[in-house]
Amino acid sequence: MRLDTESLRAFRAVATTGSFTAAAAQLHLTQSAVSWKMKRLEERLGATLFRRDGRELGLTELGRELLDHAERIVAAHDEAVDRLQRSQLEGTVHLGANDELDAVDLAAVVSSFRRRHPLVQLHVRVGLSTELESDLATGELDLALLATIAPDADDHVVWTEGLRWVRGPEPVWERGTPVPLVTFGRRCLYRPLMAAELERVGLAHYVAYEAPSSASVVDALRAGMGIGVINERGLAPGLVDWAPDGVDTALPEASFVIRTNRRTRSAAVRALVEEFEHDLRGRPADGRSLPA
């Protein structure tokens, strides 16, 4: 009998998350792929690994015993791969990242890159996409993961997602009064989109609140400071769609891209681009929806 590492990895994910769906999301697999791996694993062992108690998914006695082995086997495998894949690349890389990228995703990619290339000094700066574009142009950054409405021909598109007009749980605008806007500041990527549509329908508006971080913008929206546009990943409890009569709330998609400084395309920069593309490419927003 042979137990392959990837099946044990999937088993560990299901056991620790308590859900085939959550395990699939964690491993970037389909739910059917995870289910198939678990079925094959149980067939090889000749016994069941999971038991259901209503909606709760638990482990059988054999499942609990296997989990202990799986933890050690997967950890040993990953440690060996990390050590064997360590490169001799050297240099310094200045990376910029948009604030709308999930901090966990960013940390995972950066940590993986550091393990593979321990001789490369990596400096990370988080900021607005428009600011990162400027820093690339001046040479302060070697590459950046940023949001754009119109990707350049040389951009590496990692994923695209929709934009939404949103407000807090309580109405914050009455027709006949200026629309209060919540933005990411004067260089906000979405501010021109908001202004153009409101001006098209003849609605006066003003900036009621501006902040450079996604968390601050979401907090201001939930607190009733005004109306804003955010990407689908930024949707959070306490936000609802804003769709007043007459306003076309359809917005273009935002593309999250890797953009490099053409003057500093070192081997270390190319390696980091590959790391981002491998770990993040095509990753969709998590499907969150808002009440009307």
C-alpha atoms as a PDB file:
ATOM      1  CA  MET A   1       0.000   0.000   0.000  1.00  0.00           C
ATOM      2  CA  ARG A   2       1.279   3.463  -0.927  1.00  0.00           C
ATOM      3  CA  LEU A   3       0.026   6.799   0.394  1.00  0.00           C
ATOM      4  CA  ASP A   4       0.994   9.681  -1.865  1.00  0.00           C
ATOM      5  CA  THR A   5       1.903  13.029  -0.338  1.00  0.00           C
ATOM      6  CA  GLU A   6      -0.691  15.106  -2.195  1.00  0.00           C
ATOM      7  CA  SER A   7      -3.536  12.847  -1.040  1.00  0.00           C
ATOM      8  CA  LEU A   8      -2.277  13.191   2.527  1.00  0.00           C
ATOM      9  CA  ARG A   9      -2.077  16.968   2.052  1.00  0.00           C
ATOM     10  CA  ALA A  10      -5.694  17.027   0.891  1.00  0.00           C
ATOM     11  CA  PHE A  11      -6.732  14.788   3.793  1.00  0.00           C
ATOM     12  CA  ARG A  12      -5.006  17.103   6.256  1.00  0.00           C
ATOM     13  CA  ALA A  13      -6.791  20.109   4.755  1.00  0.00           C
ATOM     14  CA  VAL A  14     -10.206  18.458   5.018  1.00  0.00           C
ATOM     15  CA  ALA A  15      -9.504  17.298   8.572  1.00  0.00           C
ATOM     16  CA  THR A  16      -8.328  20.705   9.785  1.00  0.00           C
ATOM     17  CA  THR A  17     -10.980  22.806   8.002  1.00  0.00           C
ATOM     18  CA  GLY A  18     -13.837  20.386   8.595  1.00  0.00           C
ATOM     19  CA  SER A  19     -15.084  20.912   5.050  1.00  0.00           C
ATOM     20  CA  PHE A  20     -14.374  19.573   1.575  1.00  0.00           C
ATOM     21  CA  THR A  21     -15.259  22.986   0.149  1.00  0.00           C
ATOM     22  CA  ALA A  22     -12.893  24.878   2.458  1.00  0.00           C
ATOM     23  CA  ALA A  23     -10.121  22.363   1.840  1.00  0.00           C
ATOM     24  CA  ALA A  24     -10.544  22.749  -1.927  1.00  0.00           C
ATOM     25  CA  ALA A  25     -10.285  26.551  -1.627  1.00  0.00           C
ATOM     26  CA  GLN A  26      -7.195  26.245   0.560  1.00  0.00           C
ATOM     27  CA  LEU A  27      -5.488  23.909  -1.904  1.00  0.00           C
ATOM     28  CA  HIS A  28      -6.724  25.758  -5.019  1.00  0.00           C
ATOM     29  CA  LEU A  29      -8.451  22.588  -6.255  1.00  0.00           C
ATOM     30  CA  THR A  30     -12.029  21.797  -7.209  1.00  0.00           C
ATOM     31  CA  GLN A  31     -14.231  20.175  -4.594  1.00  0.00           C
ATOM     32  CA  SER A  32     -14.654  17.137  -6.848  1.00  0.00           C
ATOM     33  CA  ALA A  33     -10.863  16.714  -7.028  1.00  0.00           C
ATOM     34  CA  VAL A  34     -10.601  16.710  -3.236  1.00  0.00           C
ATOM     35  CA  SER A  35     -13.524  14.264  -2.941  1.00  0.00           C
ATOM     36  CA  TRP A  36     -11.860  11.948  -5.455  1.00  0.00           C
ATOM     37  CA  LYS A  37      -8.577  12.022  -3.523  1.00  0.00           C
ATOM     38  CA  MET A  38     -10.384  11.136  -0.289  1.00  0.00           C
ATOM     39  CA  LYS A  39     -12.285   8.312  -1.963  1.00  0.00           C
ATOM     40  CA  ARG A  40      -9.065   6.827  -3.344  1.00  0.00           C
ATOM     41  CA  LEU A  41      -7.376   7.184   0.036  1.00  0.00           C
ATOM     42  CA  GLU A  42     -10.187   5.325   1.793  1.00  0.00           C
ATOM     43  CA  GLU A  43     -10.128   2.602  -0.870  1.00  0.00           C
ATOM     44  CA  ARG A  44      -6.406   2.065  -0.319  1.00  0.00           C
ATOM     45  CA  LEU A  45      -6.864   1.869   3.445  1.00  0.00           C
ATOM     46  CA  GLY A  46      -9.996  -0.245   3.208  1.00  0.00           C
ATOM     47  CA  ALA A  47     -11.790   1.884   5.809  1.00  0.00           C
ATOM     48  CA  THR A  48     -13.613   5.188   6.185  1.00  0.00           C
ATOM     49  CA  LEU A  49     -11.768   8.239   7.446  1.00  0.00           C
ATOM     50  CA  PHE A  50     -14.660  10.644   8.025  1.00  0.00           C
ATOM     51  CA  ARG A  51     -17.956  10.522   9.865  1.00  0.00           C
ATOM     52  CA  ARG A  52     -20.833  12.969   9.573  1.00  0.00           C
ATOM     53  CA  ASP A  53     -22.905  14.217  12.478  1.00  0.00           C
ATOM     54  CA  GLY A  54     -25.554  16.344  10.827  1.00  0.00           C
ATOM     55  CA  ARG A  55     -23.603  19.053   9.032  1.00  0.00           C
ATOM     56  CA  GLU A  56     -20.471  18.442  11.072  1.00  0.00           C
ATOM     57  CA  LEU A  57     -17.631  16.487   9.469  1.00  0.00           C
ATOM     58  CA  GLY A  58     -15.446  14.576  11.904  1.00  0.00           C
ATOM     59  CA  LEU A  59     -12.728  11.914  11.852  1.00  0.00           C
ATOM     60  CA  THR A  60     -13.056   8.242  12.577  1.00  0.00           C
ATOM     61  CA  GLU A  61     -10.538   6.632  14.914  1.00  0.00           C
ATOM     62  CA  LEU A  62      -8.462   5.603  11.896  1.00  0.00           C
ATOM     63  CA  GLY A  63      -8.773   9.146  10.533  1.00  0.00           C
ATOM     64  CA  ARG A  64      -7.363  10.635  13.736  1.00  0.00           C
ATOM     65  CA  GLU A  65      -4.449   8.215  13.617  1.00  0.00           C
ATOM     66  CA  LEU A  66      -3.774   8.992   9.947  1.00  0.00           C
ATOM     67  CA  LEU A  67      -3.870  12.738  10.600  1.00  0.00           C
ATOM     68  CA  ASP A  68      -0.907  12.449  12.956  1.00  0.00           C
ATOM     69  CA  HIS A  69       1.111  10.636  10.285  1.00  0.00           C
ATOM     70  CA  ALA A  70      -0.060  13.013   7.540  1.00  0.00           C
ATOM     71  CA  GLU A  71       1.101  16.076   9.494  1.00  0.00           C
ATOM     72  CA  ARG A  72       4.621  14.662   9.852  1.00  0.00           C
ATOM     73  CA  ILE A  73       4.879  13.286   6.297  1.00  0.00           C
ATOM     74  CA  VAL A  74       3.681  16.473   4.580  1.00  0.00           C
ATOM     75  CA  ALA A  75       5.884  18.664   6.796  1.00  0.00           C
ATOM     76  CA  ALA A  76       8.945  16.524   6.066  1.00  0.00           C
ATOM     77  CA  HIS A  77       8.170  16.527   2.334  1.00  0.00           C
ATOM     78  CA  ASP A  78       7.769  20.323   2.192  1.00  0.00           C
ATOM     79  CA  GLU A  79      10.931  20.920   4.181  1.00  0.00           C
ATOM     80  CA  ALA A  80      12.911  18.674   1.829  1.00  0.00           C
ATOM     81  CA  VAL A  81      11.491  20.417  -1.263  1.00  0.00           C
ATOM     82  CA  ASP A  82      12.294  23.849   0.175  1.00  0.00           C
ATOM     83  CA  ARG A  83      15.890  22.887   0.916  1.00  0.00           C
ATOM     84  CA  LEU A  84      16.481  21.230  -2.443  1.00  0.00           C
ATOM     85  CA  GLN A  85      14.940  24.111  -4.396  1.00  0.00           C
ATOM     86  CA  ARG A  86      16.962  26.846  -2.720  1.00  0.00           C
ATOM     87  CA  SER A  87      18.779  28.788  -5.390  1.00  0.00           C
ATOM     88  CA  GLN A  88      22.000  30.743  -5.487  1.00  0.00           C
ATOM     89  CA  LEU A  89      20.314  33.870  -6.839  1.00  0.00           C
ATOM     90  CA  GLU A  90      21.591  37.045  -5.237  1.00  0.00           C
ATOM     91  CA  GLY A  91      20.588  40.678  -5.345  1.00  0.00           C
ATOM     92  CA  THR A  92      18.025  43.108  -4.006  1.00  0.00           C
ATOM     93  CA  VAL A  93      14.422  43.359  -5.177  1.00  0.00           C
ATOM     94  CA  HIS A  94      12.066  46.225  -4.344  1.00  0.00           C
ATOM     95  CA  LEU A  95       8.465  45.004  -4.535  1.00  0.00           C
ATOM     96  CA  GLY A  96       5.336  47.135  -4.398  1.00  0.00           C
ATOM     97  CA  ALA A  97       1.930  45.664  -3.552  1.00  0.00           C
ATOM     98  CA  ASN A  98      -1.535  47.127  -3.723  1.00  0.00           C
ATOM     99  CA  ASP A  99      -3.358  47.357  -0.398  1.00  0.00           C
ATOM    100  CA  GLU A 100      -6.318  45.462  -1.865  1.00  0.00           C
ATOM    101  CA  LEU A 101      -4.294  42.250  -2.150  1.00  0.00           C
ATOM    102  CA  ASP A 102      -5.116  39.985   0.763  1.00  0.00           C
ATOM    103  CA  ALA A 103      -2.304  40.298   3.307  1.00  0.00           C
ATOM    104  CA  VAL A 104      -2.305  36.529   3.796  1.00  0.00           C
ATOM    105  CA  ASP A 105      -1.821  35.934   0.058  1.00  0.00           C
ATOM    106  CA  LEU A 106       1.021  38.452  -0.085  1.00  0.00           C
ATOM    107  CA  ALA A 107       2.738  37.018   2.978  1.00  0.00           C
ATOM    108  CA  ALA A 108       2.477  33.476   1.607  1.00  0.00           C
ATOM    109  CA  VAL A 109       4.135  34.388  -1.703  1.00  0.00           C
ATOM    110  CA  VAL A 110       6.852  36.471  -0.049  1.00  0.00           C
ATOM    111  CA  SER A 111       7.606  33.716   2.480  1.00  0.00           C
ATOM    112  CA  SER A 112       7.795  31.093  -0.255  1.00  0.00           C
ATOM    113  CA  PHE A 113      10.131  33.281  -2.306  1.00  0.00           C
ATOM    114  CA  ARG A 114      12.418  33.896   0.680  1.00  0.00           C
ATOM    115  CA  ARG A 115      12.703  30.169   1.332  1.00  0.00           C
ATOM    116  CA  ARG A 116      13.553  29.409  -2.303  1.00  0.00           C
ATOM    117  CA  HIS A 117      15.967  32.325  -2.703  1.00  0.00           C
ATOM    118  CA  PRO A 118      17.502  33.047   0.722  1.00  0.00           C
ATOM    119  CA  LEU A 119      20.349  35.140  -0.746  1.00  0.00           C
ATOM    120  CA  VAL A 120      17.968  37.705  -2.288  1.00  0.00           C
ATOM    121  CA  GLN A 121      17.124  40.729  -0.146  1.00  0.00           C
ATOM    122  CA  LEU A 122      13.450  41.506  -0.664  1.00  0.00           C
ATOM    123  CA  HIS A 123      11.953  44.863   0.316  1.00  0.00           C
ATOM    124  CA  VAL A 124       8.147  45.185   0.237  1.00  0.00           C
ATOM    125  CA  ARG A 125       6.152  48.411   0.094  1.00  0.00           C
ATOM    126  CA  VAL A 126       2.337  48.489   0.291  1.00  0.00           C
ATOM    127  CA  GLY A 127       0.514  51.438  -1.250  1.00  0.00           C
ATOM    128  CA  LEU A 128      -2.054  52.739  -3.729  1.00  0.00           C
ATOM    129  CA  SER A 129      -1.797  51.414  -7.266  1.00  0.00           C
ATOM    130  CA  THR A 130      -1.321  54.886  -8.742  1.00  0.00           C
ATOM    131  CA  GLU A 131       1.542  55.555  -6.321  1.00  0.00           C
ATOM    132  CA  LEU A 132       3.168  52.240  -7.181  1.00  0.00           C
ATOM    133  CA  GLU A 133       2.969  53.103 -10.878  1.00  0.00           C
ATOM    134  CA  SER A 134       4.895  56.327 -10.189  1.00  0.00           C
ATOM    135  CA  ASP A 135       7.510  54.493  -8.121  1.00  0.00           C
ATOM    136  CA  LEU A 136       8.025  52.028 -10.976  1.00  0.00           C
ATOM    137  CA  ALA A 137       8.505  54.890 -13.412  1.00  0.00           C
ATOM    138  CA  THR A 138      11.138  56.558 -11.212  1.00  0.00           C
ATOM    139  CA  GLY A 139      12.960  53.281 -10.569  1.00  0.00           C
ATOM    140  CA  GLU A 140      12.200  53.107  -6.845  1.00  0.00           C
ATOM    141  CA  LEU A 141      10.461  49.756  -7.397  1.00  0.00           C
ATOM    142  CA  ASP A 142      11.553  46.803  -9.512  1.00  0.00           C
ATOM    143  CA  LEU A 143       8.072  45.341  -9.823  1.00  0.00           C
ATOM    144  CA  ALA A 144       4.623  45.839  -8.357  1.00  0.00           C
ATOM    145  CA  LEU A 145       1.354  43.975  -7.987  1.00  0.00           C
ATOM    146  CA  LEU A 146      -1.235  46.662  -8.642  1.00  0.00           C
ATOM    147  CA  ALA A 147      -4.781  47.260  -9.847  1.00  0.00           C
ATOM    148  CA  THR A 148      -5.543  48.903 -13.179  1.00  0.00           C
ATOM    149  CA  ILE A 149      -8.558  49.447 -15.377  1.00  0.00           C
ATOM    150  CA  ALA A 150      -6.540  49.186 -18.608  1.00  0.00           C
ATOM    151  CA  PRO A 151      -3.569  46.778 -18.391  1.00  0.00           C
ATOM    152  CA  ASP A 152      -0.432  47.580 -20.393  1.00  0.00           C
ATOM    153  CA  ALA A 153       0.643  45.189 -23.136  1.00  0.00           C
ATOM    154  CA  ASP A 154       3.604  43.984 -21.026  1.00  0.00           C
ATOM    155  CA  ASP A 155       1.611  43.483 -17.814  1.00  0.00           C
ATOM    156  CA  HIS A 156       1.266  39.992 -16.361  1.00  0.00           C
ATOM    157  CA  VAL A 157      -2.469  39.786 -15.569  1.00  0.00           C
ATOM    158  CA  VAL A 158      -2.924  37.725 -12.417  1.00  0.00           C
ATOM    159  CA  TRP A 159      -6.704  38.006 -12.048  1.00  0.00           C
ATOM    160  CA  THR A 160      -9.616  40.291 -12.840  1.00  0.00           C
ATOM    161  CA  GLU A 161     -12.668  41.089 -10.749  1.00  0.00           C
ATOM    162  CA  GLY A 162     -15.684  43.341 -10.672  1.00  0.00           C
ATOM    163  CA  LEU A 163     -16.103  46.710  -8.976  1.00  0.00           C
ATOM    164  CA  ARG A 164     -19.150  47.646  -6.895  1.00  0.00           C
ATOM    165  CA  TRP A 165     -20.856  50.816  -5.719  1.00  0.00           C
ATOM    166  CA  VAL A 166     -21.483  50.318  -1.992  1.00  0.00           C
ATOM    167  CA  ARG A 167     -22.611  52.085   1.163  1.00  0.00           C
ATOM    168  CA  GLY A 168     -23.131  51.199   4.818  1.00  0.00           C
ATOM    169  CA  PRO A 169     -26.262  49.574   6.245  1.00  0.00           C
ATOM    170  CA  GLU A 170     -28.089  52.915   6.646  1.00  0.00           C
ATOM    171  CA  PRO A 171     -28.998  55.270   3.762  1.00  0.00           C
ATOM    172  CA  VAL A 172     -26.519  58.152   3.622  1.00  0.00           C
ATOM    173  CA  TRP A 173     -27.850  60.201   0.707  1.00  0.00           C
ATOM    174  CA  GLU A 174     -31.115  61.920  -0.173  1.00  0.00           C
ATOM    175  CA  ARG A 175     -31.887  62.920  -3.719  1.00  0.00           C
ATOM    176  CA  GLY A 176     -31.469  66.645  -4.177  1.00  0.00           C
ATOM    177  CA  THR A 177     -28.352  66.777  -1.995  1.00  0.00           C
ATOM    178  CA  PRO A 178     -24.713  66.254  -3.034  1.00  0.00           C
ATOM    179  CA  VAL A 179     -23.530  62.643  -2.952  1.00  0.00           C
ATOM    180  CA  PRO A 180     -20.872  62.115  -0.224  1.00  0.00           C
ATOM    181  CA  LEU A 181     -18.003  60.005  -1.536  1.00  0.00           C
ATOM    182  CA  VAL A 182     -15.550  57.789   0.305  1.00  0.00           C
ATOM    183  CA  THR A 183     -12.313  57.367  -1.659  1.00  0.00           C
ATOM    184  CA  PHE A 184      -8.724  56.204  -1.375  1.00  0.00           C
ATOM    185  CA  GLY A 185      -7.496  59.780  -1.705  1.00  0.00           C
ATOM    186  CA  ARG A 186      -6.646  62.147  -4.534  1.00  0.00           C
ATOM    187  CA  ARG A 187      -4.868  59.403  -6.450  1.00  0.00           C
ATOM    188  CA  CYS A 188      -7.662  56.857  -5.956  1.00  0.00           C
ATOM    189  CA  LEU A 189      -7.998  54.613  -9.025  1.00  0.00           C
ATOM    190  CA  TYR A 190     -11.790  54.458  -8.695  1.00  0.00           C
ATOM    191  CA  ARG A 191     -12.491  58.131  -7.965  1.00  0.00           C
ATOM    192  CA  PRO A 192     -12.578  59.228 -11.649  1.00  0.00           C
ATOM    193  CA  LEU A 193     -15.093  56.441 -12.391  1.00  0.00           C
ATOM    194  CA  MET A 194     -17.398  57.665  -9.628  1.00  0.00           C
ATOM    195  CA  ALA A 195     -17.095  61.312 -10.616  1.00  0.00           C
ATOM    196  CA  ALA A 196     -17.691  60.641 -14.325  1.00  0.00           C
ATOM    197  CA  GLU A 197     -20.937  58.745 -13.747  1.00  0.00           C
ATOM    198  CA  LEU A 198     -22.333  61.203 -11.210  1.00  0.00           C
ATOM    199  CA  GLU A 199     -21.517  64.098 -13.511  1.00  0.00           C
ATOM    200  CA  ARG A 200     -23.147  62.278 -16.428  1.00  0.00           C
ATOM    201  CA  VAL A 201     -26.472  62.113 -14.579  1.00  0.00           C
ATOM    202  CA  GLY A 202     -26.124  65.593 -13.138  1.00  0.00           C
ATOM    203  CA  LEU A 203     -25.597  64.645  -9.481  1.00  0.00           C
ATOM    204  CA  ALA A 204     -23.454  66.973  -7.410  1.00  0.00           C
ATOM    205  CA  HIS A 205     -20.895  65.207  -5.220  1.00  0.00           C
ATOM    206  CA  TYR A 206     -18.057  65.854  -2.824  1.00  0.00           C
ATOM    207  CA  VAL A 207     -15.379  63.818  -1.064  1.00  0.00           C
ATOM    208  CA  ALA A 208     -16.569  63.229   2.488  1.00  0.00           C
ATOM    209  CA  TYR A 209     -13.784  60.863   3.541  1.00  0.00           C
ATOM    210  CA  GLU A 210     -10.508  59.710   2.053  1.00  0.00           C
ATOM    211  CA  ALA A 211      -7.970  57.206   3.345  1.00  0.00           C
ATOM    212  CA  PRO A 212      -5.049  55.301   1.806  1.00  0.00           C
ATOM    213  CA  SER A 213      -6.028  51.838   3.053  1.00  0.00           C
ATOM    214  CA  SER A 214      -8.809  49.389   2.187  1.00  0.00           C
ATOM    215  CA  ALA A 215      -9.554  48.744   5.851  1.00  0.00           C
ATOM    216  CA  SER A 216     -10.062  52.458   6.544  1.00  0.00           C
ATOM    217  CA  VAL A 217     -12.289  52.908   3.489  1.00  0.00           C
ATOM    218  CA  VAL A 218     -14.449  49.926   4.461  1.00  0.00           C
ATOM    219  CA  ASP A 219     -14.746  51.192   8.033  1.00  0.00           C
ATOM    220  CA  ALA A 220     -15.795  54.638   6.793  1.00  0.00           C
ATOM    221  CA  LEU A 221     -18.407  53.132   4.474  1.00  0.00           C
ATOM    222  CA  ARG A 222     -19.831  50.937   7.228  1.00  0.00           C
ATOM    223  CA  ALA A 223     -19.960  53.936   9.559  1.00  0.00           C
ATOM    224  CA  GLY A 224     -22.135  55.828   7.077  1.00  0.00           C
ATOM    225  CA  MET A 225     -19.583  58.370   5.882  1.00  0.00           C
ATOM    226  CA  GLY A 226     -20.713  58.080   2.273  1.00  0.00           C
ATOM    227  CA  ILE A 227     -20.793  56.113  -0.970  1.00  0.00           C
ATOM    228  CA  GLY A 228     -17.793  54.342  -2.460  1.00  0.00           C
ATOM    229  CA  VAL A 229     -16.529  51.969  -5.129  1.00  0.00           C
ATOM    230  CA  ILE A 230     -14.487  48.944  -4.070  1.00  0.00           C
ATOM    231  CA  ASN A 231     -13.373  45.699  -5.667  1.00  0.00           C
ATOM    232  CA  GLU A 232     -15.236  42.463  -4.971  1.00  0.00           C
ATOM    233  CA  ARG A 233     -12.498  41.173  -2.677  1.00  0.00           C
ATOM    234  CA  GLY A 234     -13.132  44.182  -0.464  1.00  0.00           C
ATOM    235  CA  LEU A 235     -16.781  43.322   0.160  1.00  0.00           C
ATOM    236  CA  ALA A 236     -17.380  42.972   3.865  1.00  0.00           C
ATOM    237  CA  PRO A 237     -20.249  42.509   6.330  1.00  0.00           C
ATOM    238  CA  GLY A 238     -22.097  45.767   6.863  1.00  0.00           C
ATOM    239  CA  LEU A 239     -21.862  46.913   3.235  1.00  0.00           C
ATOM    240  CA  VAL A 240     -24.778  46.951   0.796  1.00  0.00           C
ATOM    241  CA  ASP A 241     -25.023  47.749  -2.902  1.00  0.00           C
ATOM    242  CA  TRP A 242     -25.838  51.350  -3.843  1.00  0.00           C
ATOM    243  CA  ALA A 243     -28.009  51.530  -6.953  1.00  0.00           C
ATOM    244  CA  PRO A 244     -30.195  54.671  -7.092  1.00  0.00           C
ATOM    245  CA  ASP A 245     -32.545  55.232  -9.998  1.00  0.00           C
ATOM    246  CA  GLY A 246     -30.849  56.843 -12.961  1.00  0.00           C
ATOM    247  CA  VAL A 247     -27.278  55.979 -11.989  1.00  0.00           C
ATOM    248  CA  ASP A 248     -25.576  53.355 -14.147  1.00  0.00           C
ATOM    249  CA  THR A 249     -23.783  51.297 -11.514  1.00  0.00           C
ATOM    250  CA  ALA A 250     -22.153  48.998 -14.089  1.00  0.00           C
ATOM    251  CA  LEU A 251     -18.401  49.453 -13.826  1.00  0.00           C
ATOM    252  CA  PRO A 252     -15.426  48.093 -15.765  1.00  0.00           C
ATOM    253  CA  GLU A 253     -13.475  45.233 -14.279  1.00  0.00           C
ATOM    254  CA  ALA A 254     -10.284  45.881 -12.381  1.00  0.00           C
ATOM    255  CA  SER A 255      -7.255  43.850 -13.437  1.00  0.00           C
ATOM    256  CA  PHE A 256      -4.658  42.989 -10.832  1.00  0.00           C
ATOM    257  CA  VAL A 257      -1.365  42.786 -12.663  1.00  0.00           C
ATOM    258  CA  ILE A 258       2.331  42.321 -12.130  1.00  0.00           C
ATOM    259  CA  ARG A 259       4.157  45.254 -13.710  1.00  0.00           C
ATOM    260  CA  THR A 260       7.930  45.382 -13.888  1.00  0.00           C
ATOM    261  CA  ASN A 261      10.418  48.189 -14.200  1.00  0.00           C
ATOM    262  CA  ARG A 262      11.903  47.470 -17.620  1.00  0.00           C
ATOM    263  CA  ARG A 263      15.305  48.809 -16.582  1.00  0.00           C
ATOM    264  CA  THR A 264      15.797  46.342 -13.717  1.00  0.00           C
ATOM    265  CA  ARG A 265      14.711  42.944 -14.996  1.00  0.00           C
ATOM    266  CA  SER A 266      17.252  40.876 -13.084  1.00  0.00           C
ATOM    267  CA  ALA A 267      17.060  37.115 -12.633  1.00  0.00           C
ATOM    268  CA  ALA A 268      15.784  37.688  -9.088  1.00  0.00           C
ATOM    269  CA  VAL A 269      12.973  39.928 -10.376  1.00  0.00           C
ATOM    270  CA  ARG A 270      11.989  37.320 -12.978  1.00  0.00           C
ATOM    271  CA  ALA A 271      11.949  34.646 -10.278  1.00  0.00           C
ATOM    272  CA  LEU A 272       9.600  36.725  -8.109  1.00  0.00           C
ATOM    273  CA  VAL A 273       7.279  37.341 -11.068  1.00  0.00           C
ATOM    274  CA  GLU A 274       7.120  33.569 -11.630  1.00  0.00           C
ATOM    275  CA  GLU A 275       6.370  33.039  -7.927  1.00  0.00           C
ATOM    276  CA  PHE A 276       3.407  35.421  -8.060  1.00  0.00           C
ATOM    277  CA  GLU A 277       2.091  33.963 -11.297  1.00  0.00           C
ATOM    278  CA  HIS A 278       2.309  30.412  -9.976  1.00  0.00           C
ATOM    279  CA  ASP A 279       0.631  31.146  -6.639  1.00  0.00           C
ATOM    280  CA  LEU A 280      -1.952  33.785  -7.574  1.00  0.00           C
ATOM    281  CA  ARG A 281      -2.790  33.582 -11.285  1.00  0.00           C
ATOM    282  CA  GLY A 282      -6.489  33.181 -11.982  1.00  0.00           C
ATOM    283  CA  ARG A 283      -7.436  33.200  -8.327  1.00  0.00           C
ATOM    284  CA  PRO A 284     -11.020  34.475  -8.278  1.00  0.00           C
ATOM    285  CA  ALA A 285     -12.692  36.670  -5.733  1.00  0.00           C
ATOM    286  CA  ASP A 286     -14.358  34.530  -3.098  1.00  0.00           C
ATOM    287  CA  GLY A 287     -17.881  34.998  -4.364  1.00  0.00           C
ATOM    288  CA  ARG A 288     -19.093  37.231  -1.573  1.00  0.00           C
ATOM    289  CA  SER A 289     -22.451  38.911  -2.174  1.00  0.00           C
ATOM    290  CA  LEU A 290     -24.200  41.848  -0.595  1.00  0.00           C
ATOM    291  CA  PRO A 291     -27.775  42.458   0.428  1.00  0.00           C
ATOM    292  CA  ALA A 292     -29.668  44.879  -1.776  1.00  0.00           C
END
